[in-house]
PDB file of N, CA and C in Angstrom:
ATOM      1  N   MET A   1     -75.428-210.626-143.866  1.00  0.00           N
ATOM      2  CA  MET A   1     -76.655-209.999-144.124  1.00  0.00           C
ATOM      3  C   MET A   1     -76.641-208.890-142.998  1.00  0.00           C
ATOM      4  N   GLY A   2     -77.042-207.671-143.972  1.00  0.00           N
ATOM      5  CA  GLY A   2     -76.763-206.354-142.970  1.00  0.00           C
ATOM      6  C   GLY A   2     -78.251-206.232-142.165  1.00  0.00           C
ATOM      7  N   ILE A   3     -77.946-205.287-141.312  1.00  0.00           N
ATOM      8  CA  ILE A   3     -79.112-204.662-140.460  1.00  0.00           C
ATOM      9  C   ILE A   3     -80.367-204.341-141.538  1.00  0.00           C
ATOM     10  N   ASP A   4     -81.830-205.051-140.939  1.00  0.00           N
ATOM     11  CA  ASP A   4     -82.935-204.817-141.484  1.00  0.00           C
ATOM     12  C   ASP A   4     -83.675-203.845-140.866  1.00  0.00           C
ATOM     13  N   PRO A   5     -83.712-201.982-141.312  1.00  0.00           N
ATOM     14  CA  PRO A   5     -84.102-201.411-140.494  1.00  0.00           C
ATOM     15  C   PRO A   5     -85.345-201.040-140.091  1.00  0.00           C
ATOM     16  N   LEU A   6     -86.199-201.688-141.187  1.00  0.00           N
ATOM     17  CA  LEU A   6     -87.507-202.036-140.751  1.00  0.00           C
ATOM     18  C   LEU A   6     -88.039-202.899-139.959  1.00  0.00           C
ATOM     19  N   GLY A   7     -86.944-203.910-139.994  1.00  0.00           N
ATOM     20  CA  GLY A   7     -87.324-205.183-139.077  1.00  0.00           C
ATOM     21  C   GLY A   7     -87.142-204.770-138.004  1.00  0.00           C
ATOM     22  N   VAL A   8     -85.792-204.056-137.648  1.00  0.00           N
ATOM     23  CA  VAL A   8     -85.899-203.067-136.501  1.00  0.00           C
ATOM     24  C   VAL A   8     -86.942-202.162-135.404  1.00  0.00           C
ATOM     25  N   VAL A   9     -87.695-201.454-136.439  1.00  0.00           N
ATOM     26  CA  VAL A   9     -88.573-201.100-136.144  1.00  0.00           C
ATOM     27  C   VAL A   9     -89.726-201.656-136.018  1.00  0.00           C
ATOM     28  N   PHE A  10     -90.260-202.844-136.708  1.00  0.00           N
ATOM     29  CA  PHE A  10     -91.159-203.486-136.271  1.00  0.00           C
ATOM     30  C   PHE A  10     -90.984-204.250-134.916  1.00  0.00           C
ATOM     31  N   ALA A  11     -89.769-204.760-134.917  1.00  0.00           N
ATOM     32  CA  ALA A  11     -89.645-205.180-133.332  1.00  0.00           C
ATOM     33  C   ALA A  11     -89.655-204.422-132.109  1.00  0.00           C
ATOM     34  N   ALA A  12     -89.216-203.125-132.370  1.00  0.00           N
ATOM     35  CA  ALA A  12     -89.360-201.749-131.448  1.00  0.00           C
ATOM     36  C   ALA A  12     -90.975-202.010-131.203  1.00  0.00           C
ATOM     37  N   LEU A  13     -91.623-201.568-132.029  1.00  0.00           N
ATOM     38  CA  LEU A  13     -93.196-202.111-131.954  1.00  0.00           C
ATOM     39  C   LEU A  13     -93.981-202.779-131.697  1.00  0.00           C
ATOM     40  N   ALA A  14     -92.976-203.968-131.404  1.00  0.00           N
ATOM     41  CA  ALA A  14     -93.847-205.212-131.091  1.00  0.00           C
ATOM     42  C   ALA A  14     -94.229-205.254-129.230  1.00  0.00           C
ATOM     43  N   ASP A  15     -94.387-204.211-128.697  1.00  0.00           N
ATOM     44  CA  ASP A  15     -94.003-204.087-127.316  1.00  0.00           C
ATOM     45  C   ASP A  15     -94.984-203.069-127.388  1.00  0.00           C
ATOM     46  N   PRO A  16     -96.703-203.307-126.604  1.00  0.00           N
ATOM     47  CA  PRO A  16     -97.542-202.576-126.421  1.00  0.00           C
ATOM     48  C   PRO A  16     -97.499-201.118-125.516  1.00  0.00           C
ATOM     49  N   THR A  17     -96.307-201.178-124.940  1.00  0.00           N
ATOM     50  CA  THR A  17     -95.727-200.000-123.849  1.00  0.00           C
ATOM     51  C   THR A  17     -95.376-199.352-124.883  1.00  0.00           C
ATOM     52  N   ARG A  18     -94.377-199.835-125.767  1.00  0.00           N
ATOM     53  CA  ARG A  18     -93.501-198.695-126.604  1.00  0.00           C
ATOM     54  C   ARG A  18     -94.853-198.212-127.577  1.00  0.00           C
ATOM     55  N   ARG A  19     -95.570-198.935-128.175  1.00  0.00           N
ATOM     56  CA  ARG A  19     -96.655-198.419-129.230  1.00  0.00           C
ATOM     57  C   ARG A  19     -97.391-197.440-128.204  1.00  0.00           C
ATOM     58  N   ASP A  20     -97.566-197.856-127.214  1.00  0.00           N
ATOM     59  CA  ASP A  20     -98.111-196.328-126.075  1.00  0.00           C
ATOM     60  C   ASP A  20     -97.320-195.082-126.149  1.00  0.00           C
ATOM     61  N   LEU A  21     -96.597-195.472-125.580  1.00  0.00           N
ATOM     62  CA  LEU A  21     -95.457-194.482-125.711  1.00  0.00           C
ATOM     63  C   LEU A  21     -95.460-193.356-127.105  1.00  0.00           C
ATOM     64  N   VAL A  22     -95.392-194.198-128.310  1.00  0.00           N
ATOM     65  CA  VAL A  22     -95.574-193.560-129.692  1.00  0.00           C
ATOM     66  C   VAL A  22     -96.482-192.749-130.036  1.00  0.00           C
ATOM     67  N   THR A  23     -97.724-193.294-129.565  1.00  0.00           N
ATOM     68  CA  THR A  23     -98.990-192.854-129.731  1.00  0.00           C
ATOM     69  C   THR A  23     -99.080-191.531-128.950  1.00  0.00           C
ATOM     70  N   ARG A  24     -98.578-191.316-127.497  1.00  0.00           N
ATOM     71  CA  ARG A  24     -98.791-190.348-126.908  1.00  0.00           C
ATOM     72  C   ARG A  24     -97.314-189.150-127.376  1.00  0.00           C
ATOM     73  N   LEU A  25     -96.452-189.736-128.210  1.00  0.00           N
ATOM     74  CA  LEU A  25     -95.602-188.828-128.351  1.00  0.00           C
ATOM     75  C   LEU A  25     -96.095-187.985-129.636  1.00  0.00           C
ATOM     76  N   ALA A  26     -97.061-188.918-130.550  1.00  0.00           N
ATOM     77  CA  ALA A  26     -97.778-188.323-131.792  1.00  0.00           C
ATOM     78  C   ALA A  26     -98.331-186.994-131.368  1.00  0.00           C
ATOM     79  N   ALA A  27     -98.758-186.745-129.871  1.00  0.00           N
ATOM     80  CA  ALA A  27     -99.433-185.950-129.323  1.00  0.00           C
ATOM     81  C   ALA A  27     -98.350-184.443-128.824  1.00  0.00           C
ATOM     82  N   GLY A  28     -97.087-184.893-129.111  1.00  0.00           N
ATOM     83  CA  GLY A  28     -96.391-183.991-128.677  1.00  0.00           C
ATOM     84  C   GLY A  28     -95.166-184.256-128.069  1.00  0.00           C
ATOM     85  N   ASP A  29     -93.824-183.525-128.380  1.00  0.00           N
ATOM     86  CA  ASP A  29     -92.670-184.173-127.335  1.00  0.00           C
ATOM     87  C   ASP A  29     -93.381-183.873-125.891  1.00  0.00           C
ATOM     88  N   ALA A  30     -92.287-185.012-125.139  1.00  0.00           N
ATOM     89  CA  ALA A  30     -92.300-185.111-123.606  1.00  0.00           C
ATOM     90  C   ALA A  30     -90.932-185.365-123.172  1.00  0.00           C
ATOM     91  N   THR A  31     -91.155-185.129-121.562  1.00  0.00           N
ATOM     92  CA  THR A  31     -89.535-185.512-121.269  1.00  0.00           C
ATOM     93  C   THR A  31     -89.978-186.927-120.586  1.00  0.00           C
ATOM     94  N   VAL A  32     -88.871-187.690-120.101  1.00  0.00           N
ATOM     95  CA  VAL A  32     -88.819-189.205-120.075  1.00  0.00           C
ATOM     96  C   VAL A  32     -89.926-189.245-118.563  1.00  0.00           C
ATOM     97  N   GLY A  33     -89.775-188.657-117.614  1.00  0.00           N
ATOM     98  CA  GLY A  33     -90.551-188.257-116.320  1.00  0.00           C
ATOM     99  C   GLY A  33     -92.095-187.877-117.309  1.00  0.00           C
ATOM    100  N   GLU A  34     -92.515-187.008-118.120  1.00  0.00           N
ATOM    101  CA  GLU A  34     -93.760-187.104-118.094  1.00  0.00           C
ATOM    102  C   GLU A  34     -94.596-187.832-119.102  1.00  0.00           C
ATOM    103  N   LEU A  35     -93.208-189.039-120.056  1.00  0.00           N
ATOM    104  CA  LEU A  35     -93.952-190.165-120.290  1.00  0.00           C
ATOM    105  C   LEU A  35     -94.262-191.306-119.042  1.00  0.00           C
ATOM    106  N   ALA A  36     -93.519-191.237-118.583  1.00  0.00           N
ATOM    107  CA  ALA A  36     -93.514-192.225-117.537  1.00  0.00           C
ATOM    108  C   ALA A  36     -94.769-192.222-116.229  1.00  0.00           C
ATOM    109  N   GLU A  37     -95.023-190.942-116.309  1.00  0.00           N
ATOM    110  CA  GLU A  37     -96.528-190.712-115.321  1.00  0.00           C
ATOM    111  C   GLU A  37     -97.246-191.711-115.038  1.00  0.00           C
ATOM    112  N   PRO A  38     -97.912-191.734-116.637  1.00  0.00           N
ATOM    113  CA  PRO A  38     -99.549-193.195-116.699  1.00  0.00           C
ATOM    114  C   PRO A  38     -99.010-194.211-115.859  1.00  0.00           C
ATOM    115  N   TYR A  39     -97.727-194.626-115.971  1.00  0.00           N
ATOM    116  CA  TYR A  39     -97.715-196.331-116.160  1.00  0.00           C
ATOM    117  C   TYR A  39     -97.131-196.740-114.271  1.00  0.00           C
ATOM    118  N   ASP A  40     -97.489-198.157-114.169  1.00  0.00           N
ATOM    119  CA  ASP A  40     -97.251-198.612-113.125  1.00  0.00           C
ATOM    120  C   ASP A  40     -95.485-199.157-113.015  1.00  0.00           C
ATOM    121  N   MET A  41     -95.066-198.180-113.651  1.00  0.00           N
ATOM    122  CA  MET A  41     -93.556-198.558-113.717  1.00  0.00           C
ATOM    123  C   MET A  41     -92.237-197.449-113.661  1.00  0.00           C
ATOM    124  N   SER A  42     -91.393-197.883-113.160  1.00  0.00           N
ATOM    125  CA  SER A  42     -90.254-196.890-113.085  1.00  0.00           C
ATOM    126  C   SER A  42     -90.138-196.104-114.370  1.00  0.00           C
ATOM    127  N   VAL A  43     -89.477-194.831-113.867  1.00  0.00           N
ATOM    128  CA  VAL A  43     -88.966-193.605-114.691  1.00  0.00           C
ATOM    129  C   VAL A  43     -87.825-194.883-115.514  1.00  0.00           C
ATOM    130  N   GLN A  44     -86.544-195.635-114.705  1.00  0.00           N
ATOM    131  CA  GLN A  44     -85.709-196.521-115.675  1.00  0.00           C
ATOM    132  C   GLN A  44     -86.333-197.497-116.659  1.00  0.00           C
ATOM    133  N   ALA A  45     -87.669-198.306-115.951  1.00  0.00           N
ATOM    134  CA  ALA A  45     -87.881-199.024-117.229  1.00  0.00           C
ATOM    135  C   ALA A  45     -88.719-198.239-118.370  1.00  0.00           C
ATOM    136  N   VAL A  46     -89.380-197.117-118.312  1.00  0.00           N
ATOM    137  CA  VAL A  46     -89.726-196.308-119.472  1.00  0.00           C
ATOM    138  C   VAL A  46     -88.289-196.024-120.151  1.00  0.00           C
ATOM    139  N   SER A  47     -87.340-196.014-119.617  1.00  0.00           N
ATOM    140  CA  SER A  47     -86.305-195.256-120.127  1.00  0.00           C
ATOM    141  C   SER A  47     -85.635-196.206-121.608  1.00  0.00           C
ATOM    142  N   LYS A  48     -85.747-197.466-120.357  1.00  0.00           N
ATOM    143  CA  LYS A  48     -85.302-198.536-121.508  1.00  0.00           C
ATOM    144  C   LYS A  48     -86.272-198.745-122.299  1.00  0.00           C
ATOM    145  N   HIS A  49     -87.456-198.540-122.479  1.00  0.00           N
ATOM    146  CA  HIS A  49     -88.574-198.356-123.869  1.00  0.00           C
ATOM    147  C   HIS A  49     -88.184-197.591-124.725  1.00  0.00           C
ATOM    148  N   LEU A  50     -87.674-196.516-124.210  1.00  0.00           N
ATOM    149  CA  LEU A  50     -87.152-195.611-125.150  1.00  0.00           C
ATOM    150  C   LEU A  50     -86.002-195.533-125.664  1.00  0.00           C
ATOM    151  N   LYS A  51     -84.835-196.114-124.933  1.00  0.00           N
ATOM    152  CA  LYS A  51     -83.621-196.601-125.552  1.00  0.00           C
ATOM    153  C   LYS A  51     -83.903-197.321-127.021  1.00  0.00           C
ATOM    154  N   VAL A  52     -84.933-198.577-126.794  1.00  0.00           N
ATOM    155  CA  VAL A  52     -85.251-199.550-127.913  1.00  0.00           C
ATOM    156  C   VAL A  52     -85.939-198.801-129.140  1.00  0.00           C
ATOM    157  N   LEU A  53     -86.667-197.458-128.816  1.00  0.00           N
ATOM    158  CA  LEU A  53     -86.904-196.787-129.372  1.00  0.00           C
ATOM    159  C   LEU A  53     -86.136-196.276-130.300  1.00  0.00           C
ATOM    160  N   GLU A  54     -85.157-195.262-129.574  1.00  0.00           N
ATOM    161  CA  GLU A  54     -84.267-194.573-129.984  1.00  0.00           C
ATOM    162  C   GLU A  54     -83.444-195.277-130.962  1.00  0.00           C
ATOM    163  N   ARG A  55     -82.680-196.593-130.314  1.00  0.00           N
ATOM    164  CA  ARG A  55     -82.007-197.653-131.884  1.00  0.00           C
ATOM    165  C   ARG A  55     -82.728-197.613-132.854  1.00  0.00           C
ATOM    166  N   ALA A  56     -83.719-198.060-132.664  1.00  0.00           N
ATOM    167  CA  ALA A  56     -84.709-198.427-133.970  1.00  0.00           C
ATOM    168  C   ALA A  56     -84.932-196.980-134.448  1.00  0.00           C
ATOM    169  N   GLY A  57     -84.730-195.965-133.891  1.00  0.00           N
ATOM    170  CA  GLY A  57     -84.860-194.564-135.237  1.00  0.00           C
ATOM    171  C   GLY A  57     -86.364-193.836-134.898  1.00  0.00           C
ATOM    172  N   VAL A  58     -86.995-194.309-133.915  1.00  0.00           N
ATOM    173  CA  VAL A  58     -88.609-193.974-133.535  1.00  0.00           C
ATOM    174  C   VAL A  58     -88.496-192.716-132.949  1.00  0.00           C
ATOM    175  N   VAL A  59     -87.767-192.811-131.758  1.00  0.00           N
ATOM    176  CA  VAL A  59     -87.669-191.429-131.280  1.00  0.00           C
ATOM    177  C   VAL A  59     -86.114-190.827-131.310  1.00  0.00           C
ATOM    178  N   THR A  60     -85.992-189.375-131.018  1.00  0.00           N
ATOM    179  CA  THR A  60     -84.861-189.001-130.934  1.00  0.00           C
ATOM    180  C   THR A  60     -85.078-188.340-129.212  1.00  0.00           C
ATOM    181  N   LYS A  61     -83.664-188.157-128.682  1.00  0.00           N
ATOM    182  CA  LYS A  61     -83.897-187.020-127.770  1.00  0.00           C
ATOM    183  C   LYS A  61     -82.957-186.229-127.493  1.00  0.00           C
ATOM    184  N   THR A  62     -83.359-184.935-127.160  1.00  0.00           N
ATOM    185  CA  THR A  62     -82.606-183.773-127.188  1.00  0.00           C
ATOM    186  C   THR A  62     -82.453-183.147-125.905  1.00  0.00           C
ATOM    187  N   ALA A  63     -81.214-182.505-125.414  1.00  0.00           N
ATOM    188  CA  ALA A  63     -81.317-181.740-124.339  1.00  0.00           C
ATOM    189  C   ALA A  63     -81.098-180.283-124.364  1.00  0.00           C
ATOM    190  N   ASP A  64     -82.349-179.891-123.427  1.00  0.00           N
ATOM    191  CA  ASP A  64     -82.371-178.052-123.253  1.00  0.00           C
ATOM    192  C   ASP A  64     -82.060-177.697-122.127  1.00  0.00           C
ATOM    193  N   ALA A  65     -80.996-177.412-122.050  1.00  0.00           N
ATOM    194  CA  ALA A  65     -80.709-176.980-120.624  1.00  0.00           C
ATOM    195  C   ALA A  65     -80.591-178.316-119.312  1.00  0.00           C
ATOM    196  N   GLN A  66     -81.362-178.095-118.536  1.00  0.00           N
ATOM    197  CA  GLN A  66     -81.896-179.282-117.796  1.00  0.00           C
ATOM    198  C   GLN A  66     -82.671-180.390-117.972  1.00  0.00           C
ATOM    199  N   ARG A  67     -83.641-179.862-119.332  1.00  0.00           N
ATOM    200  CA  ARG A  67     -84.674-180.941-119.752  1.00  0.00           C
ATOM    201  C   ARG A  67     -84.276-181.895-120.668  1.00  0.00           C
ATOM    202  N   ARG A  68     -84.558-183.129-120.961  1.00  0.00           N
ATOM    203  CA  ARG A  68     -84.056-184.221-122.057  1.00  0.00           C
ATOM    204  C   ARG A  68     -85.737-184.256-122.468  1.00  0.00           C
ATOM    205  N   THR A  69     -85.724-183.846-124.245  1.00  0.00           N
ATOM    206  CA  THR A  69     -86.847-184.254-124.076  1.00  0.00           C
ATOM    207  C   THR A  69     -87.405-185.265-125.477  1.00  0.00           C
ATOM    208  N   VAL A  70     -87.962-185.890-125.378  1.00  0.00           N
ATOM    209  CA  VAL A  70     -88.374-187.658-126.653  1.00  0.00           C
ATOM    210  C   VAL A  70     -88.921-186.544-127.690  1.00  0.00           C
ATOM    211  N   HIS A  71     -88.358-187.005-128.826  1.00  0.00           N
ATOM    212  CA  HIS A  71     -89.420-186.167-129.977  1.00  0.00           C
ATOM    213  C   HIS A  71     -89.492-187.940-131.066  1.00  0.00           C
ATOM    214  N   LEU A  72     -90.706-187.456-131.457  1.00  0.00           N
ATOM    215  CA  LEU A  72     -90.744-188.598-132.528  1.00  0.00           C
ATOM    216  C   LEU A  72     -90.622-188.270-134.103  1.00  0.00           C
ATOM    217  N   GLU A  73     -90.227-189.259-134.532  1.00  0.00           N
ATOM    218  CA  GLU A  73     -89.708-189.366-135.900  1.00  0.00           C
ATOM    219  C   GLU A  73     -90.259-189.718-137.173  1.00  0.00           C
ATOM    220  N   ALA A  74     -90.513-188.760-138.226  1.00  0.00           N
ATOM    221  CA  ALA A  74     -91.802-189.193-138.476  1.00  0.00           C
ATOM    222  C   ALA A  74     -91.189-189.718-140.332  1.00  0.00           C
ATOM    223  N   GLU A  75     -90.241-190.128-140.079  1.00  0.00           N
ATOM    224  CA  GLU A  75     -89.290-190.622-141.254  1.00  0.00           C
ATOM    225  C   GLU A  75     -89.514-192.212-141.400  1.00  0.00           C
ATOM    226  N   VAL A  76     -89.491-192.415-140.349  1.00  0.00           N
ATOM    227  CA  VAL A  76     -89.470-193.844-139.738  1.00  0.00           C
ATOM    228  C   VAL A  76     -90.745-194.300-139.998  1.00  0.00           C
ATOM    229  N   PHE A  77     -91.922-193.550-140.098  1.00  0.00           N
ATOM    230  CA  PHE A  77     -93.223-194.024-140.513  1.00  0.00           C
ATOM    231  C   PHE A  77     -93.191-193.949-141.614  1.00  0.00           C
ATOM    232  N   ASP A  78     -92.495-193.157-142.374  1.00  0.00           N
ATOM    233  CA  ASP A  78     -92.980-193.050-144.111  1.00  0.00           C
ATOM    234  C   ASP A  78     -92.081-194.212-144.530  1.00  0.00           C
ATOM    235  N   LEU A  79     -91.153-194.589-143.596  1.00  0.00           N
ATOM    236  CA  LEU A  79     -90.503-196.252-144.538  1.00  0.00           C
ATOM    237  C   LEU A  79     -91.432-197.184-144.189  1.00  0.00           C
ATOM    238  N   MET A  80     -92.057-197.324-143.070  1.00  0.00           N
ATOM    239  CA  MET A  80     -92.934-198.055-142.710  1.00  0.00           C
ATOM    240  C   MET A  80     -94.185-198.097-143.646  1.00  0.00           C
ATOM    241  N   ASP A  81     -94.903-196.686-143.842  1.00  0.00           N
ATOM    242  CA  ASP A  81     -95.968-196.671-144.704  1.00  0.00           C
ATOM    243  C   ASP A  81     -95.587-197.016-146.118  1.00  0.00           C
ATOM    244  N   ARG A  82     -94.472-196.874-146.903  1.00  0.00           N
ATOM    245  CA  ARG A  82     -94.143-197.382-148.065  1.00  0.00           C
ATOM    246  C   ARG A  82     -94.024-198.715-148.433  1.00  0.00           C
ATOM    247  N   TRP A  83     -93.570-199.464-147.000  1.00  0.00           N
ATOM    248  CA  TRP A  83     -93.743-200.855-147.366  1.00  0.00           C
ATOM    249  C   TRP A  83     -95.112-201.463-147.322  1.00  0.00           C
ATOM    250  N   ILE A  84     -95.562-201.130-146.261  1.00  0.00           N
ATOM    251  CA  ILE A  84     -97.065-201.375-146.009  1.00  0.00           C
ATOM    252  C   ILE A  84     -98.327-201.273-147.065  1.00  0.00           C
ATOM    253  N   GLU A  85     -97.669-199.842-148.316  1.00  0.00           N
ATOM    254  CA  GLU A  85     -98.427-199.446-148.976  1.00  0.00           C
ATOM    255  C   GLU A  85     -98.230-200.516-150.115  1.00  0.00           C
ATOM    256  N   ARG A  86     -97.177-201.032-150.424  1.00  0.00           N
ATOM    257  CA  ARG A  86     -96.493-201.774-151.259  1.00  0.00           C
ATOM    258  C   ARG A  86     -97.696-202.996-151.914  1.00  0.00           C
ATOM    259  N   TYR A  87     -97.597-203.676-150.430  1.00  0.00           N
ATOM    260  CA  TYR A  87     -98.431-204.944-150.179  1.00  0.00           C
ATOM    261  C   TYR A  87     -99.763-204.649-150.311  1.00  0.00           C
ATOM    262  N   ARG A  88    -100.094-203.595-150.062  1.00  0.00           N
ATOM    263  CA  ARG A  88    -101.195-203.529-149.989  1.00  0.00           C
ATOM    264  C   ARG A  88    -102.321-203.033-151.178  1.00  0.00           C
ATOM    265  N   ARG A  89    -101.345-202.205-152.328  1.00  0.00           N
ATOM    266  CA  ARG A  89    -101.538-202.543-153.454  1.00  0.00           C
ATOM    267  C   ARG A  89    -101.257-203.729-154.419  1.00  0.00           C
ATOM    268  N   GLN A  90    -100.264-204.513-153.876  1.00  0.00           N
ATOM    269  CA  GLN A  90    -100.361-205.814-154.531  1.00  0.00           C
ATOM    270  C   GLN A  90    -101.655-206.643-154.230  1.00  0.00           C
ATOM    271  N   ALA A  91    -101.926-206.977-152.865  1.00  0.00           N
ATOM    272  CA  ALA A  91    -103.338-207.326-152.393  1.00  0.00           C
ATOM    273  C   ALA A  91    -104.247-206.698-153.153  1.00  0.00           C
ATOM    274  N   GLU A  92    -104.490-205.506-153.413  1.00  0.00           N
ATOM    275  CA  GLU A  92    -105.724-205.086-154.199  1.00  0.00           C
ATOM    276  C   GLU A  92    -105.885-205.240-155.497  1.00  0.00           C
ATOM    277  N   ARG A  93    -104.464-205.313-156.202  1.00  0.00           N
ATOM    278  CA  ARG A  93    -104.612-205.768-157.734  1.00  0.00           C
ATOM    279  C   ARG A  93    -104.883-207.397-157.885  1.00  0.00           C
ATOM    280  N   ARG A  94    -104.752-208.088-156.695  1.00  0.00           N
ATOM    281  CA  ARG A  94    -104.561-209.460-156.861  1.00  0.00           C
ATOM    282  C   ARG A  94    -106.406-209.611-156.578  1.00  0.00           C
ATOM    283  N   HIS A  95    -107.342-208.941-155.611  1.00  0.00           N
ATOM    284  CA  HIS A  95    -108.516-209.184-155.094  1.00  0.00           C
ATOM    285  C   HIS A  95    -108.957-208.282-156.451  1.00  0.00           C
ATOM    286  N   GLN A  96    -108.668-207.536-157.151  1.00  0.00           N
ATOM    287  CA  GLN A  96    -109.526-206.930-158.160  1.00  0.00           C
ATOM    288  C   GLN A  96    -109.523-208.482-159.709  1.00  0.00           C
ATOM    289  N   ARG A  97    -108.275-209.010-159.758  1.00  0.00           N
ATOM    290  CA  ARG A  97    -108.488-210.059-160.468  1.00  0.00           C
ATOM    291  C   ARG A  97    -109.327-211.504-160.264  1.00  0.00           C
ATOM    292  N   LEU A  98    -109.274-211.462-158.735  1.00  0.00           N
ATOM    293  CA  LEU A  98    -110.215-212.611-158.254  1.00  0.00           C
ATOM    294  C   LEU A  98    -111.621-212.076-158.870  1.00  0.00           C
ATOM    295  N   ASP A  99    -111.957-210.822-158.393  1.00  0.00           N
ATOM    296  CA  ASP A  99    -113.459-210.213-159.101  1.00  0.00           C
ATOM    297  C   ASP A  99    -113.684-210.432-160.459  1.00  0.00           C
ATOM    298  N   ALA A 100    -112.453-210.070-161.112  1.00  0.00           N
ATOM    299  CA  ALA A 100    -112.808-210.142-162.557  1.00  0.00           C
ATOM    300  C   ALA A 100    -112.902-211.425-162.843  1.00  0.00           C
ATOM    301  N   VAL A 101    -112.310-212.654-162.534  1.00  0.00           N
ATOM    302  CA  VAL A 101    -112.400-213.778-162.799  1.00  0.00           C
ATOM    303  C   VAL A 101    -113.922-214.562-162.547  1.00  0.00           C
ATOM    304  N   LEU A 102    -114.369-214.136-161.408  1.00  0.00           N
ATOM    305  CA  LEU A 102    -115.787-214.512-160.797  1.00  0.00           C
ATOM    306  C   LEU A 102    -116.624-213.754-161.496  1.00  0.00           C
ATOM    307  N   ALA A 103    -116.697-212.424-161.828  1.00  0.00           N
ATOM    308  CA  ALA A 103    -117.955-212.030-163.090  1.00  0.00           C
ATOM    309  C   ALA A 103    -117.771-212.872-164.532  1.00  0.00           C
ATOM    310  N   GLU A 104    -116.591-213.357-164.560  1.00  0.00           N
ATOM    311  CA  GLU A 104    -116.796-213.827-166.187  1.00  0.00           C
ATOM    312  C   GLU A 104    -117.596-215.219-165.939  1.00  0.00           C
ATOM    313  N   LEU A 105    -116.971-216.014-164.523  1.00  0.00           N
ATOM    314  CA  LEU A 105    -118.078-217.228-164.282  1.00  0.00           C
ATOM    315  C   LEU A 105    -119.305-217.397-163.655  1.00  0.00           C
ATOM    316  N   ALA A 106    -119.739-215.898-163.243  1.00  0.00           N
ATOM    317  CA  ALA A 106    -121.152-216.127-163.137  1.00  0.00           C
ATOM    318  C   ALA A 106    -121.882-216.017-164.667  1.00  0.00           C
ATOM    319  N   PRO A 107    -123.413-216.439-164.305  1.00  0.00           N
ATOM    320  CA  PRO A 107    -124.200-216.217-165.185  1.00  0.00           C
ATOM    321  C   PRO A 107    -124.614-214.847-165.466  1.00  0.00           C
ATOM    322  N   ASP A 108    -124.846-214.371-166.874  1.00  0.00           N
ATOM    323  CA  ASP A 108    -125.161-212.863-166.809  1.00  0.00           C
ATOM    324  C   ASP A 108    -126.569-212.739-166.708  1.00  0.00           C
ATOM    325  N   ASP A 109    -127.558-213.429-166.716  1.00  0.00           N
ATOM    326  CA  ASP A 109    -129.101-213.690-166.274  1.00  0.00           C
ATOM    327  C   ASP A 109    -129.569-214.551-165.040  1.00  0.00           C
ATOM    328  N   GLU A 110    -129.632-214.482-164.373  1.00  0.00           N
ATOM    329  CA  GLU A 110    -130.239-215.322-163.308  1.00  0.00           C
ATOM    330  C   GLU A 110    -131.354-216.005-163.585  1.00  0.00           C
ATOM    331  N   PRO A 111    -131.917-216.883-163.761  1.00  0.00           N
ATOM    332  CA  PRO A 111    -132.908-217.711-164.214  1.00  0.00           C
ATOM    333  C   PRO A 111    -133.952-217.126-163.172  1.00  0.00           C
ATOM    334  N   GLN A 112    -135.136-216.749-163.970  1.00  0.00           N
ATOM    335  CA  GLN A 112    -136.471-216.336-163.003  1.00  0.00           C
ATOM    336  C   GLN A 112    -137.110-217.274-162.704  1.00  0.00           C
ATOM    337  N   ALA A 113    -137.798-217.343-161.762  1.00  0.00           N
ATOM    338  CA  ALA A 113    -138.819-218.481-161.210  1.00  0.00           C
ATOM    339  C   ALA A 113    -140.041-217.996-161.975  1.00  0.00           C
ATOM    340  N   ASP A 114    -140.465-218.804-162.632  1.00  0.00           N
ATOM    341  CA  ASP A 114    -141.821-218.658-163.674  1.00  0.00           C
ATOM    342  C   ASP A 114    -143.382-218.772-162.487  1.00  0.00           C
ATOM    343  N   PRO A 115    -143.741-217.434-162.560  1.00  0.00           N
ATOM    344  CA  PRO A 115    -144.873-217.318-161.348  1.00  0.00           C
ATOM    345  C   PRO A 115    -146.121-218.499-161.726  1.00  0.00           C
ATOM    346  N   THR A 116    -145.960-218.898-162.965  1.00  0.00           N
ATOM    347  CA  THR A 116    -147.230-220.014-163.332  1.00  0.00           C
ATOM    348  C   THR A 116    -147.042-221.291-162.306  1.00  0.00           C
ATOM    349  N   ASP A 117    -145.576-221.553-162.129  1.00  0.00           N
ATOM    350  CA  ASP A 117    -145.105-222.821-161.783  1.00  0.00           C
ATOM    351  C   ASP A 117    -145.377-222.665-160.814  1.00  0.00           C
ATOM    352  N   ASP A 118    -145.783-221.715-159.501  1.00  0.00           N
ATOM    353  CA  ASP A 118    -146.679-221.979-158.432  1.00  0.00           C
ATOM    354  C   ASP A 118    -148.076-222.614-158.518  1.00  0.00           C
ATOM    355  N   GLU A 119    -148.673-221.619-159.287  1.00  0.00           N
ATOM    356  CA  GLU A 119    -150.199-222.029-159.606  1.00  0.00           C
ATOM    357  C   GLU A 119    -150.166-223.385-160.183  1.00  0.00           C
ATOM    358  N   ARG A 120    -149.378-223.668-160.832  1.00  0.00           N
ATOM    359  CA  ARG A 120    -149.582-224.959-161.480  1.00  0.00           C
ATOM    360  C   ARG A 120    -149.822-226.540-160.417  1.00  0.00           C
ATOM    361  N   GLY A 121    -148.491-225.866-159.461  1.00  0.00           N
ATOM    362  CA  GLY A 121    -148.343-227.389-158.330  1.00  0.00           C
ATOM    363  C   GLY A 121    -149.298-226.770-157.134  1.00  0.00           C
ATOM    364  N   ALA A 122    -150.015-225.631-157.106  1.00  0.00           N
ATOM    365  CA  ALA A 122    -150.959-225.499-156.042  1.00  0.00           C
ATOM    366  C   ALA A 122    -152.414-225.996-156.851  1.00  0.00           C
ATOM    367  N   THR A 123    -152.555-226.521-157.836  1.00  0.00           N
ATOM    368  CA  THR A 123    -154.019-227.182-158.076  1.00  0.00           C
ATOM    369  C   THR A 123    -154.134-228.565-158.095  1.00  0.00           C
TER     370      THR A 123
END
């Protein structure tokens, strides 16, 4: 069995620090140093998280002279979105079928209480 690209992406995003890095990169490209600033961990630790994201195809690194920029790859999210959408549509169809069955089982008219019943019982 070959490598499951979607599985690799979901595994990479299972870590909360990596999800936070993705959230921050969604706002714009950044250097590893800029990404490491808010964390209570070393630049090397953040770099390891970025390597996991890079192997999964979630981010790429580019070198501009002395600056190494990290860039979020939107194509990976298109893959995830298509996978999620397929199962969302299946679940929606299943719920629609259930709603149709329940509508058939429900009585058309709920019996209404006769207001004279209360008057008869009160005397």
